[in-house]
Amino acid sequence: MVTHARTPGPPRLTEAEFDVLYRRLAERSAWAKGDRGALSALTPARVLAASRDVRSGRTVTLAAPVETRSGPDNPEPARHRMSGRPEQRPSSGLDFAMDSFAMNVHGDADSHIDALCHVIYDGTLHGGVSANSVTADGATALSVEAARNGIVGRGVLLDIPRLRGVPWLEPGDHVSVDDLTAAEAAQHVHVGEGDLLFVRVGHRRRRGELGAWHAADARAGLHPSALEFLADRRVAVLGGDGNNDTAPSSTEGVGFPVHVLAIHAMGLHLLDYLQFEDLAPVCEAEGRWSFLCVIAPLRLPDATGSPVNPIAVL
């Protein structure tokens, strides 16, 4: 088995330190209000600017195939059923092949987007909306329906394993502010206001080469302090090839600090468990790490998230 030594990262946060960070980021993200949160930074002018960045016309998926087999990180795999058996098909005339799907949207294997109603913290949702707005029948506020017209803008991929000269970050490792700024410099790209920021930690490559593991207990991700970088740049979306959060948690008393900060404090829609193994080599070959990106969640008006297949257009 190939292993790589963990790079010492930022220190573990106490509950008090996390509270200070939460309040600071919430204040700096006060502009990201309402159902759309930080998506409000995706103005028509920024979408047009992103479209003008298309050069080759090549399209690349950022999603992994939907998993239908159980595994250490996927105890509730998506269920795919064909509705007709071969022996029931007529030998002539018209017939239809049909199927049905069911899935746990917020698992540790399938690519998905988290809506702003996904994180309940201290009894509220983003912007102080009551957690009671999420009922047994669905969410009546901040649902994924806020992205019904799609999320379109300039995507930027920051490749942290490339920066460190390793194929992936080991579970438990952290991405820091210094990592993000160093990756910008190494890749000759700048993350700006309204960008869709994607951070590669190599989760998918490690899973592909070493096999699945219990990612709920051990995974690489962003250190909570790295959210300062996102607040400085006023990004519109954060996506990762893992859960975005490190496990074990880097914060005392908070299991998913990045989710709390990004969704609850900053109004950022998160994309979890994407895959960048198709995109990274294309960016490397073309010598650029920004692209037009199109994200189209399903129309699920009361849902806390959706399976998703983001497309990069270079």
Protein backbone atom coordinates (compact mmCIF):
# COMPACT_ATOMS: atom_id res chain seq x y z
CA MET A 1 0.00 0.00 0.00
CA VAL A 2 1.28 3.44 -0.93
CA THR A 3 1.12 5.96 1.91
CA HIS A 4 2.20 9.56 2.20
CA ALA A 5 3.14 11.35 5.38
CA ARG A 6 0.64 13.86 6.66
CA THR A 7 1.71 17.48 6.43
CA PRO A 8 1.33 19.23 9.80
CA GLY A 9 -1.65 21.57 9.49
CA PRO A 10 -3.32 24.32 11.50
CA PRO A 11 -4.08 23.57 15.14
CA ARG A 12 -7.28 22.06 16.45
CA LEU A 13 -9.89 24.71 17.35
CA THR A 14 -11.58 24.99 20.72
CA GLU A 15 -15.31 25.66 20.86
CA ALA A 16 -14.59 29.27 21.84
CA GLU A 17 -12.18 29.77 18.93
CA PHE A 18 -14.72 28.26 16.53
CA ASP A 19 -17.42 30.58 17.85
CA VAL A 20 -15.22 33.61 17.19
CA LEU A 21 -14.45 32.35 13.67
CA TYR A 22 -18.15 31.66 13.02
CA ARG A 23 -19.20 35.16 14.04
CA ARG A 24 -16.42 36.79 12.02
CA LEU A 25 -17.31 34.88 8.85
CA ALA A 26 -21.03 35.51 9.30
CA GLU A 27 -20.40 39.25 9.57
CA ARG A 28 -18.18 39.28 6.50
CA SER A 29 -20.77 37.28 4.55
CA ALA A 30 -23.77 39.42 5.47
CA TRP A 31 -24.14 40.23 1.76
CA ALA A 32 -25.11 36.57 1.06
CA LYS A 33 -28.75 36.81 2.13
CA GLY A 34 -32.00 35.07 1.27
CA ASP A 35 -32.70 31.70 -0.31
CA ARG A 36 -29.83 32.02 -2.76
CA GLY A 37 -27.21 33.05 -0.24
CA ALA A 38 -23.82 33.51 -1.91
CA LEU A 39 -25.31 32.55 -5.29
CA SER A 40 -26.34 36.21 -5.46
CA ALA A 41 -22.74 36.88 -6.53
CA LEU A 42 -23.46 35.09 -9.82
CA THR A 43 -24.65 38.16 -11.70
CA PRO A 44 -25.47 38.06 -15.42
CA ALA A 45 -22.29 40.04 -16.06
CA ARG A 46 -20.17 37.39 -14.31
CA VAL A 47 -21.89 34.58 -16.20
CA LEU A 48 -21.17 36.35 -19.50
CA ALA A 49 -17.55 36.89 -18.48
CA ALA A 50 -17.20 33.19 -17.62
CA SER A 51 -18.67 32.16 -20.97
CA ARG A 52 -16.05 34.22 -22.79
CA ASP A 53 -13.36 32.10 -21.12
CA VAL A 54 -14.36 29.05 -23.19
CA ARG A 55 -11.60 28.29 -25.71
CA SER A 56 -11.52 24.64 -26.76
CA GLY A 57 -15.20 23.83 -26.18
CA ARG A 58 -14.23 20.62 -24.40
CA THR A 59 -16.66 19.44 -21.72
CA VAL A 60 -15.69 17.41 -18.64
CA THR A 61 -17.86 15.97 -15.87
CA LEU A 62 -17.03 16.67 -12.23
CA ALA A 63 -19.33 13.92 -10.93
CA ALA A 64 -18.61 10.33 -10.00
CA PRO A 65 -20.86 7.50 -11.24
CA VAL A 66 -23.77 6.84 -8.90
CA GLU A 67 -22.91 3.93 -6.59
CA THR A 68 -25.38 1.03 -6.44
CA ARG A 69 -23.26 -1.37 -4.35
CA SER A 70 -22.75 -1.10 -0.62
CA GLY A 71 -19.32 -0.48 0.83
CA PRO A 72 -17.55 0.91 3.90
CA ASP A 73 -18.40 4.47 2.89
CA ASN A 74 -21.75 3.64 1.31
CA PRO A 75 -23.99 1.51 3.56
CA GLU A 76 -27.11 2.89 1.85
CA PRO A 77 -26.28 2.69 -1.86
CA ALA A 78 -28.58 4.06 -4.50
CA ARG A 79 -31.20 1.57 -5.61
CA HIS A 80 -31.64 1.10 -9.34
CA ARG A 81 -34.42 -1.21 -10.47
CA MET A 82 -35.57 -2.12 -13.96
CA SER A 83 -39.35 -2.18 -14.10
CA GLY A 84 -39.77 -4.90 -16.71
CA ARG A 85 -38.36 -8.43 -16.89
CA PRO A 86 -37.01 -9.80 -20.21
CA GLU A 87 -39.50 -12.67 -20.23
CA GLN A 88 -42.38 -10.19 -20.08
CA ARG A 89 -41.38 -8.32 -23.21
CA PRO A 90 -43.47 -8.86 -26.34
CA SER A 91 -41.70 -10.41 -29.30
CA SER A 92 -43.12 -7.81 -31.67
CA GLY A 93 -44.57 -4.32 -31.59
CA LEU A 94 -43.80 -1.46 -29.25
CA ASP A 95 -42.43 -1.77 -25.72
CA PHE A 96 -40.48 0.46 -23.32
CA ALA A 97 -37.43 -0.17 -21.17
CA MET A 98 -37.97 1.61 -17.85
CA ASP A 99 -36.29 1.92 -14.49
CA SER A 100 -36.53 3.65 -11.11
CA PHE A 101 -34.00 5.13 -8.70
CA ALA A 102 -33.90 5.85 -4.95
CA MET A 103 -30.94 7.23 -3.03
CA ASN A 104 -29.65 8.83 0.16
CA VAL A 105 -28.58 12.20 -1.21
CA HIS A 106 -26.19 13.12 1.62
CA GLY A 107 -24.07 9.97 1.75
CA ASP A 108 -20.28 9.58 1.59
CA ALA A 109 -20.03 8.23 -1.96
CA ASP A 110 -22.33 9.97 -4.45
CA SER A 111 -21.76 13.46 -5.86
CA HIS A 112 -24.36 15.88 -4.50
CA ILE A 113 -25.14 19.48 -3.63
CA ASP A 114 -26.13 20.68 -0.16
CA ALA A 115 -28.86 23.31 0.01
CA LEU A 116 -28.83 26.06 2.63
CA CYS A 117 -31.47 24.19 4.67
CA HIS A 118 -29.16 21.19 5.12
CA VAL A 119 -27.31 22.47 8.21
CA ILE A 120 -29.16 23.16 11.46
CA TYR A 121 -26.96 24.89 14.03
CA ASP A 122 -28.10 26.19 17.39
CA GLY A 123 -31.73 25.76 16.34
CA THR A 124 -31.58 27.78 13.14
CA LEU A 125 -30.75 27.60 9.46
CA HIS A 126 -28.70 30.12 7.48
CA GLY A 127 -29.73 33.72 8.12
CA GLY A 128 -31.54 32.88 11.36
CA VAL A 129 -34.38 31.01 9.63
CA SER A 130 -36.11 28.71 12.10
CA ALA A 131 -35.14 25.04 11.94
CA ASN A 132 -38.88 24.29 12.21
CA SER A 133 -39.12 25.27 8.54
CA VAL A 134 -37.70 21.80 7.82
CA THR A 135 -40.61 19.45 8.41
CA ALA A 136 -41.33 15.77 7.86
CA ASP A 137 -42.77 16.75 4.48
CA GLY A 138 -39.74 18.78 3.36
CA ALA A 139 -38.11 22.17 3.69
CA THR A 140 -40.31 25.24 3.36
CA ALA A 141 -37.34 27.62 3.15
CA LEU A 142 -33.77 27.58 1.75
CA SER A 143 -34.34 24.36 -0.22
CA VAL A 144 -32.37 23.31 -3.28
CA GLU A 145 -35.12 24.93 -5.34
CA ALA A 146 -33.14 28.16 -4.89
CA ALA A 147 -30.83 26.79 -7.59
CA ARG A 148 -33.66 25.80 -9.95
CA ASN A 149 -32.31 27.99 -12.76
CA GLY A 150 -28.90 26.39 -12.51
CA ILE A 151 -25.59 27.56 -11.12
CA VAL A 152 -23.43 28.93 -13.92
CA GLY A 153 -20.15 30.78 -13.51
CA ARG A 154 -16.38 30.68 -13.55
CA GLY A 155 -15.07 27.51 -11.96
CA VAL A 156 -11.57 27.35 -10.49
CA LEU A 157 -9.86 24.09 -9.50
CA LEU A 158 -7.12 24.27 -6.86
CA ASP A 159 -5.18 20.99 -6.80
CA ILE A 160 -3.59 20.54 -3.36
CA PRO A 161 -1.96 17.12 -3.97
CA ARG A 162 -0.32 18.58 -7.09
CA LEU A 163 1.00 21.43 -4.97
CA ARG A 164 2.48 19.04 -2.41
CA GLY A 165 3.81 16.56 -4.96
CA VAL A 166 1.65 13.62 -3.79
CA PRO A 167 -1.24 11.75 -5.46
CA TRP A 168 -3.63 12.48 -2.58
CA LEU A 169 -3.88 13.85 0.93
CA GLU A 170 -4.13 11.21 3.61
CA PRO A 171 -7.34 11.00 5.68
CA GLY A 172 -7.16 13.44 8.58
CA ASP A 173 -4.99 15.94 6.69
CA HIS A 174 -6.09 19.57 6.39
CA VAL A 175 -6.10 22.12 3.58
CA SER A 176 -5.07 25.50 4.98
CA VAL A 177 -5.27 29.09 3.77
CA ASP A 178 -1.58 28.84 2.93
CA ASP A 179 -2.29 25.77 0.77
CA LEU A 180 -4.98 27.62 -1.16
CA THR A 181 -2.86 30.72 -1.79
CA ALA A 182 0.18 28.60 -2.72
CA ALA A 183 -1.91 26.55 -5.16
CA GLU A 184 -3.13 29.77 -6.79
CA ALA A 185 0.46 30.89 -7.32
CA ALA A 186 1.63 27.50 -8.58
CA GLN A 187 -1.28 27.23 -11.02
CA HIS A 188 -1.16 30.89 -12.14
CA VAL A 189 -4.83 31.45 -11.34
CA HIS A 190 -6.67 33.84 -9.03
CA VAL A 191 -9.93 33.07 -7.23
CA GLY A 192 -12.25 36.05 -7.47
CA GLU A 193 -15.67 37.24 -6.43
CA GLY A 194 -18.49 35.01 -7.63
CA ASP A 195 -16.20 32.11 -8.57
CA LEU A 196 -17.16 28.48 -8.04
CA LEU A 197 -14.20 27.14 -6.08
CA PHE A 198 -13.30 23.45 -6.33
CA VAL A 199 -10.60 22.05 -4.05
CA ARG A 200 -9.02 18.69 -4.89
CA VAL A 201 -7.68 16.57 -2.03
CA GLY A 202 -7.38 13.36 -4.08
CA HIS A 203 -10.12 11.46 -2.23
CA ARG A 204 -11.40 9.80 -5.40
CA ARG A 205 -7.95 8.74 -6.58
CA ARG A 206 -7.12 7.23 -3.20
CA ARG A 207 -10.45 5.40 -3.16
CA GLY A 208 -9.89 4.09 -6.67
CA GLU A 209 -6.37 2.83 -6.00
CA LEU A 210 -6.66 1.60 -2.41
CA GLY A 211 -10.36 0.82 -2.17
CA ALA A 212 -13.17 2.36 -0.18
CA TRP A 213 -12.83 2.99 3.55
CA HIS A 214 -15.08 4.36 6.30
CA ALA A 215 -14.81 7.97 5.16
CA ALA A 216 -17.20 9.14 7.85
CA ASP A 217 -14.40 8.51 10.37
CA ALA A 218 -11.33 9.49 8.36
CA ARG A 219 -11.00 11.86 5.39
CA ALA A 220 -9.02 14.85 4.19
CA GLY A 221 -10.69 18.23 3.89
CA LEU A 222 -10.45 21.94 4.60
CA HIS A 223 -9.43 23.30 7.97
CA PRO A 224 -12.15 25.65 9.25
CA SER A 225 -9.71 28.57 9.15
CA ALA A 226 -9.42 28.06 5.37
CA LEU A 227 -12.91 29.55 5.08
CA GLU A 228 -11.26 32.93 5.68
CA PHE A 229 -9.87 32.61 2.14
CA LEU A 230 -13.37 32.06 0.74
CA ALA A 231 -14.77 35.02 2.66
CA ASP A 232 -11.95 37.26 1.41
CA ARG A 233 -12.67 36.30 -2.19
CA ARG A 234 -16.48 36.21 -1.89
CA VAL A 235 -16.80 32.92 -3.70
CA ALA A 236 -20.29 31.72 -4.68
CA VAL A 237 -19.91 27.93 -4.26
CA LEU A 238 -17.49 25.47 -2.66
CA GLY A 239 -17.00 21.96 -4.02
CA GLY A 240 -14.65 19.13 -3.11
CA ASP A 241 -13.86 15.55 -4.06
CA GLY A 242 -14.38 14.57 -0.42
CA ASN A 243 -16.86 15.91 2.11
CA ASN A 244 -15.06 19.30 2.34
CA ASP A 245 -14.78 18.61 6.09
CA THR A 246 -11.83 16.77 7.61
CA ALA A 247 -12.47 13.73 9.78
CA PRO A 248 -11.85 13.39 12.64
CA SER A 249 -13.19 16.89 13.19
CA SER A 250 -10.65 19.63 13.74
CA THR A 251 -12.99 21.47 16.10
CA GLU A 252 -13.89 20.62 19.68
CA GLY A 253 -17.61 19.91 19.99
CA VAL A 254 -18.49 20.49 16.31
CA GLY A 255 -18.61 17.49 14.00
CA PHE A 256 -18.72 19.26 10.62
CA PRO A 257 -17.21 22.72 11.16
CA VAL A 258 -16.71 23.50 7.46
CA HIS A 259 -20.34 22.67 6.73
CA VAL A 260 -21.46 24.90 9.60
CA LEU A 261 -19.26 27.80 8.50
CA ALA A 262 -19.86 27.51 4.76
CA ILE A 263 -23.59 26.81 4.71
CA HIS A 264 -24.89 28.28 7.96
CA ALA A 265 -22.59 31.29 8.46
CA MET A 266 -21.65 32.18 4.88
CA GLY A 267 -24.61 31.04 2.76
CA LEU A 268 -22.51 28.83 0.48
CA HIS A 269 -24.01 25.87 -1.35
CA LEU A 270 -21.60 22.95 -0.94
CA LEU A 271 -20.86 20.19 -3.42
CA ASP A 272 -19.56 17.02 -1.80
CA TYR A 273 -17.86 13.92 -3.21
CA LEU A 274 -17.22 15.24 -6.70
CA GLN A 275 -14.39 13.80 -8.76
CA PHE A 276 -11.64 15.79 -10.45
CA GLU A 277 -9.61 12.94 -11.93
CA ASP A 278 -10.99 13.70 -15.41
CA LEU A 279 -10.69 17.48 -15.09
CA ALA A 280 -7.23 17.87 -13.54
CA PRO A 281 -5.26 16.37 -16.45
CA VAL A 282 -7.22 18.48 -18.94
CA CYS A 283 -6.42 21.64 -16.96
CA GLU A 284 -2.77 20.55 -16.79
CA ALA A 285 -2.62 19.92 -20.54
CA GLU A 286 -4.30 23.23 -21.41
CA GLY A 287 -2.24 25.16 -18.88
CA ARG A 288 -5.23 26.80 -17.21
CA TRP A 289 -7.26 26.00 -14.13
CA SER A 290 -10.37 28.11 -14.70
CA PHE A 291 -13.36 27.24 -16.88
CA LEU A 292 -17.05 27.85 -17.41
CA CYS A 293 -18.98 25.59 -15.05
CA VAL A 294 -22.64 24.56 -15.25
CA ILE A 295 -24.36 22.92 -12.27
CA ALA A 296 -27.99 21.82 -12.61
CA PRO A 297 -29.60 20.31 -9.49
CA LEU A 298 -32.84 18.40 -9.92
CA ARG A 299 -36.10 20.30 -9.41
CA LEU A 300 -36.82 19.03 -5.89
CA PRO A 301 -38.73 21.96 -4.38
CA ASP A 302 -38.68 20.81 -0.73
CA ALA A 303 -35.33 18.98 -0.65
CA THR A 304 -32.18 19.62 1.37
CA GLY A 305 -29.99 18.70 -1.58
CA SER A 306 -29.79 16.88 -4.89
CA PRO A 307 -27.60 14.50 -6.84
CA VAL A 308 -25.64 16.60 -9.29
CA ASN A 309 -23.43 16.36 -12.37
CA PRO A 310 -21.41 19.59 -12.75
CA ILE A 311 -19.93 20.15 -16.19
CA ALA A 312 -16.73 22.10 -16.85
CA VAL A 313 -16.51 23.76 -20.28
CA LEU A 314 -12.97 24.70 -21.27
